Amino acid sequence: MWRLPFYLLSIWLGFKFVRWALRYLESNKSEPMIRSGNDKKCVDDLVKDPVCGKFVPVKNSISTVKNGNQVHFCSEACLKQYLDQ
């Protein structure tokens, strides 16, 4: 006799939880992976290598400062090619 109300209550609570979870996930949009050039870089941000065009995480990139701007590269070869220009 108590099974039917218990099942209905369980289904209703499950529905409410799923609805809440979907709203929560939609409201917490993550930040974009690629920021504009003026923003401060974080270690997880992707930067574009100006020589080969690959995107590399800042923490894995090789960087140098040229004309007051920090430039990031995917490899030593790209850095050397950029500096030889």
N, C-alpha and C. Protein backbone atom coordinates (compact mmCIF):
# COMPACT_ATOMS: atom_id res chain seq x y z
N MET A 1 0.81 -1.19 0.00
CA MET A 1 0.00 0.00 0.00
C MET A 1 0.86 1.27 0.00
N TRP A 2 2.00 1.22 0.66
CA TRP A 2 2.85 2.39 0.72
C TRP A 2 3.83 2.48 -0.45
N ARG A 3 3.87 1.45 -1.25
CA ARG A 3 4.83 1.44 -2.36
C ARG A 3 4.50 2.48 -3.43
N LEU A 4 3.25 2.59 -3.81
CA LEU A 4 2.88 3.53 -4.87
C LEU A 4 3.20 4.97 -4.49
N PRO A 5 2.81 5.47 -3.31
CA PRO A 5 3.21 6.85 -2.96
C PRO A 5 4.73 7.01 -2.86
N PHE A 6 5.41 5.98 -2.38
CA PHE A 6 6.87 6.04 -2.30
C PHE A 6 7.48 6.16 -3.70
N TYR A 7 7.03 5.36 -4.65
CA TYR A 7 7.54 5.43 -6.02
C TYR A 7 7.23 6.78 -6.67
N LEU A 8 6.03 7.27 -6.47
CA LEU A 8 5.66 8.58 -7.04
C LEU A 8 6.52 9.70 -6.45
N LEU A 9 6.74 9.65 -5.13
CA LEU A 9 7.58 10.65 -4.49
C LEU A 9 9.02 10.55 -5.00
N SER A 10 9.53 9.35 -5.18
CA SER A 10 10.89 9.15 -5.70
C SER A 10 11.03 9.70 -7.12
N ILE A 11 10.04 9.44 -7.95
CA ILE A 11 10.07 9.95 -9.33
C ILE A 11 10.01 11.47 -9.33
N TRP A 12 9.17 12.05 -8.50
CA TRP A 12 9.04 13.51 -8.43
C TRP A 12 10.34 14.14 -7.95
N LEU A 13 10.95 13.57 -6.91
CA LEU A 13 12.22 14.10 -6.40
C LEU A 13 13.34 13.95 -7.43
N GLY A 14 13.36 12.84 -8.14
CA GLY A 14 14.35 12.65 -9.19
C GLY A 14 14.20 13.68 -10.30
N PHE A 15 12.97 13.95 -10.70
CA PHE A 15 12.69 14.96 -11.72
C PHE A 15 13.18 16.33 -11.25
N LYS A 16 12.89 16.69 -10.00
CA LYS A 16 13.30 17.99 -9.46
C LYS A 16 14.84 18.09 -9.42
N PHE A 17 15.50 17.00 -9.03
CA PHE A 17 16.95 17.01 -8.97
C PHE A 17 17.57 17.18 -10.36
N VAL A 18 17.08 16.47 -11.33
CA VAL A 18 17.61 16.58 -12.70
C VAL A 18 17.39 17.99 -13.23
N ARG A 19 16.23 18.55 -12.98
CA ARG A 19 15.94 19.92 -13.42
C ARG A 19 16.89 20.92 -12.75
N TRP A 20 17.12 20.75 -11.45
CA TRP A 20 18.04 21.63 -10.73
C TRP A 20 19.46 21.48 -11.28
N ALA A 21 19.90 20.25 -11.52
CA ALA A 21 21.25 20.02 -12.02
C ALA A 21 21.46 20.66 -13.38
N LEU A 22 20.48 20.56 -14.27
CA LEU A 22 20.61 21.17 -15.59
C LEU A 22 20.68 22.69 -15.49
N ARG A 23 19.89 23.28 -14.64
CA ARG A 23 19.95 24.74 -14.45
C ARG A 23 21.29 25.15 -13.86
N TYR A 24 21.79 24.38 -12.91
CA TYR A 24 23.07 24.68 -12.30
C TYR A 24 24.19 24.63 -13.32
N LEU A 25 24.21 23.62 -14.16
CA LEU A 25 25.25 23.49 -15.18
C LEU A 25 25.19 24.61 -16.20
N GLU A 26 23.98 25.03 -16.56
CA GLU A 26 23.84 26.12 -17.54
C GLU A 26 24.29 27.45 -16.96
N SER A 27 24.10 27.65 -15.65
CA SER A 27 24.45 28.94 -15.05
C SER A 27 25.95 29.07 -14.80
N ASN A 28 26.69 27.98 -14.77
CA ASN A 28 28.12 28.02 -14.51
C ASN A 28 28.92 27.78 -15.78
N LYS A 29 28.73 28.65 -16.74
CA LYS A 29 29.49 28.53 -17.99
C LYS A 29 30.96 28.79 -17.69
N SER A 30 31.84 28.00 -18.29
CA SER A 30 33.26 28.18 -18.05
C SER A 30 33.78 29.34 -18.90
N GLU A 31 34.94 29.83 -18.52
CA GLU A 31 35.57 30.92 -19.26
C GLU A 31 36.12 30.39 -20.58
N PRO A 32 36.22 31.23 -21.58
CA PRO A 32 36.76 30.77 -22.85
C PRO A 32 38.21 30.34 -22.72
N MET A 33 38.63 29.38 -23.53
CA MET A 33 39.99 28.87 -23.47
C MET A 33 40.99 29.86 -24.07
N ILE A 34 40.55 30.66 -25.02
CA ILE A 34 41.46 31.61 -25.66
C ILE A 34 40.99 33.01 -25.30
N ARG A 35 41.86 33.79 -24.70
CA ARG A 35 41.51 35.15 -24.30
C ARG A 35 42.08 36.14 -25.31
N SER A 36 41.63 37.37 -25.21
CA SER A 36 42.16 38.39 -26.10
C SER A 36 43.60 38.73 -25.70
N GLY A 37 44.31 39.40 -26.55
CA GLY A 37 45.71 39.71 -26.31
C GLY A 37 45.97 40.60 -25.12
N ASN A 38 44.98 41.38 -24.69
CA ASN A 38 45.18 42.32 -23.59
C ASN A 38 44.97 41.69 -22.22
N ASP A 39 44.34 40.53 -22.15
CA ASP A 39 44.07 39.90 -20.88
C ASP A 39 45.31 39.24 -20.32
N LYS A 40 45.37 39.16 -18.99
CA LYS A 40 46.49 38.48 -18.33
C LYS A 40 46.38 36.98 -18.59
N LYS A 41 47.48 36.35 -18.91
CA LYS A 41 47.49 34.93 -19.25
C LYS A 41 47.54 34.08 -18.00
N CYS A 42 46.79 32.98 -17.99
CA CYS A 42 46.83 31.98 -16.93
C CYS A 42 47.58 30.77 -17.47
N VAL A 43 48.00 29.88 -16.58
CA VAL A 43 48.79 28.73 -17.03
C VAL A 43 47.99 27.77 -17.90
N ASP A 44 46.67 27.76 -17.79
CA ASP A 44 45.85 26.86 -18.59
C ASP A 44 45.35 27.48 -19.89
N ASP A 45 45.64 28.75 -20.11
CA ASP A 45 45.21 29.42 -21.34
C ASP A 45 45.99 28.91 -22.54
N LEU A 46 45.36 28.96 -23.69
CA LEU A 46 46.03 28.59 -24.94
C LEU A 46 46.53 29.85 -25.63
N VAL A 47 47.73 29.77 -26.16
CA VAL A 47 48.31 30.88 -26.93
C VAL A 47 48.71 30.34 -28.29
N LYS A 48 48.66 31.22 -29.28
CA LYS A 48 48.96 30.80 -30.65
C LYS A 48 50.42 31.10 -30.97
N ASP A 49 51.10 30.10 -31.48
CA ASP A 49 52.48 30.24 -31.94
C ASP A 49 52.45 31.07 -33.21
N PRO A 50 53.18 32.21 -33.26
CA PRO A 50 53.13 33.07 -34.45
C PRO A 50 53.82 32.47 -35.68
N VAL A 51 54.65 31.46 -35.49
CA VAL A 51 55.38 30.87 -36.62
C VAL A 51 54.56 29.79 -37.30
N CYS A 52 54.17 28.77 -36.53
CA CYS A 52 53.48 27.62 -37.14
C CYS A 52 51.96 27.68 -36.97
N GLY A 53 51.46 28.52 -36.07
CA GLY A 53 50.02 28.67 -35.91
C GLY A 53 49.38 27.68 -34.94
N LYS A 54 50.17 26.85 -34.27
CA LYS A 54 49.63 25.89 -33.31
C LYS A 54 49.22 26.62 -32.03
N PHE A 55 48.21 26.07 -31.35
CA PHE A 55 47.81 26.57 -30.04
C PHE A 55 48.47 25.71 -28.98
N VAL A 56 49.10 26.38 -28.01
CA VAL A 56 49.86 25.70 -26.96
C VAL A 56 49.43 26.24 -25.61
N PRO A 57 49.29 25.38 -24.57
CA PRO A 57 49.04 25.91 -23.23
C PRO A 57 50.22 26.77 -22.77
N VAL A 58 49.93 27.84 -22.06
CA VAL A 58 50.98 28.75 -21.60
C VAL A 58 52.02 28.01 -20.77
N LYS A 59 51.56 27.06 -19.94
CA LYS A 59 52.50 26.35 -19.06
C LYS A 59 53.47 25.46 -19.85
N ASN A 60 53.13 25.08 -21.06
CA ASN A 60 54.00 24.23 -21.88
C ASN A 60 54.74 25.00 -22.97
N SER A 61 54.51 26.29 -23.04
CA SER A 61 55.10 27.06 -24.14
C SER A 61 56.50 27.56 -23.77
N ILE A 62 57.23 27.92 -24.80
CA ILE A 62 58.53 28.56 -24.66
C ILE A 62 58.29 30.01 -25.04
N SER A 63 58.69 30.93 -24.17
CA SER A 63 58.36 32.33 -24.44
C SER A 63 59.60 33.21 -24.45
N THR A 64 59.45 34.34 -25.10
CA THR A 64 60.49 35.37 -25.12
C THR A 64 59.78 36.72 -25.17
N VAL A 65 60.52 37.76 -24.85
CA VAL A 65 59.98 39.11 -24.90
C VAL A 65 60.63 39.84 -26.06
N LYS A 66 59.81 40.37 -26.95
CA LYS A 66 60.32 41.11 -28.10
C LYS A 66 59.47 42.37 -28.26
N ASN A 67 60.12 43.52 -28.30
CA ASN A 67 59.45 44.82 -28.41
C ASN A 67 58.45 45.04 -27.27
N GLY A 68 58.77 44.55 -26.09
CA GLY A 68 57.91 44.74 -24.92
C GLY A 68 56.73 43.79 -24.83
N ASN A 69 56.57 42.90 -25.79
CA ASN A 69 55.47 41.92 -25.78
C ASN A 69 56.02 40.53 -25.55
N GLN A 70 55.33 39.76 -24.71
CA GLN A 70 55.72 38.37 -24.50
C GLN A 70 55.10 37.51 -25.60
N VAL A 71 55.95 36.73 -26.26
CA VAL A 71 55.52 35.89 -27.37
C VAL A 71 55.77 34.44 -26.98
N HIS A 72 54.79 33.56 -27.24
CA HIS A 72 54.87 32.16 -26.84
C HIS A 72 55.03 31.27 -28.08
N PHE A 73 55.82 30.19 -27.93
CA PHE A 73 56.11 29.28 -29.03
C PHE A 73 55.88 27.84 -28.58
N CYS A 74 55.64 26.97 -29.56
CA CYS A 74 55.41 25.55 -29.25
C CYS A 74 56.71 24.78 -29.14
N SER A 75 57.79 25.28 -29.75
CA SER A 75 59.06 24.54 -29.73
C SER A 75 60.23 25.50 -29.87
N GLU A 76 61.41 24.97 -29.59
CA GLU A 76 62.64 25.76 -29.75
C GLU A 76 62.87 26.13 -31.22
N ALA A 77 62.47 25.25 -32.13
CA ALA A 77 62.65 25.51 -33.56
C ALA A 77 61.83 26.73 -33.99
N CYS A 78 60.60 26.83 -33.52
CA CYS A 78 59.76 27.99 -33.86
C CYS A 78 60.33 29.27 -33.25
N LEU A 79 60.83 29.17 -32.02
CA LEU A 79 61.46 30.33 -31.38
C LEU A 79 62.67 30.79 -32.17
N LYS A 80 63.51 29.87 -32.57
CA LYS A 80 64.72 30.22 -33.36
C LYS A 80 64.33 30.85 -34.69
N GLN A 81 63.33 30.28 -35.35
CA GLN A 81 62.89 30.82 -36.64
C GLN A 81 62.32 32.23 -36.47
N TYR A 82 61.61 32.47 -35.38
CA TYR A 82 61.04 33.80 -35.12
C TYR A 82 62.14 34.82 -34.85
N LEU A 83 63.14 34.43 -34.08
CA LEU A 83 64.22 35.35 -33.74
C LEU A 83 65.13 35.62 -34.94
N ASP A 84 65.22 34.70 -35.89
CA ASP A 84 66.05 34.88 -37.09
C ASP A 84 65.42 35.80 -38.10
N GLN A 85 64.14 36.09 -37.98
CA GLN A 85 63.44 36.94 -38.96
C GLN A 85 63.93 38.36 -38.89
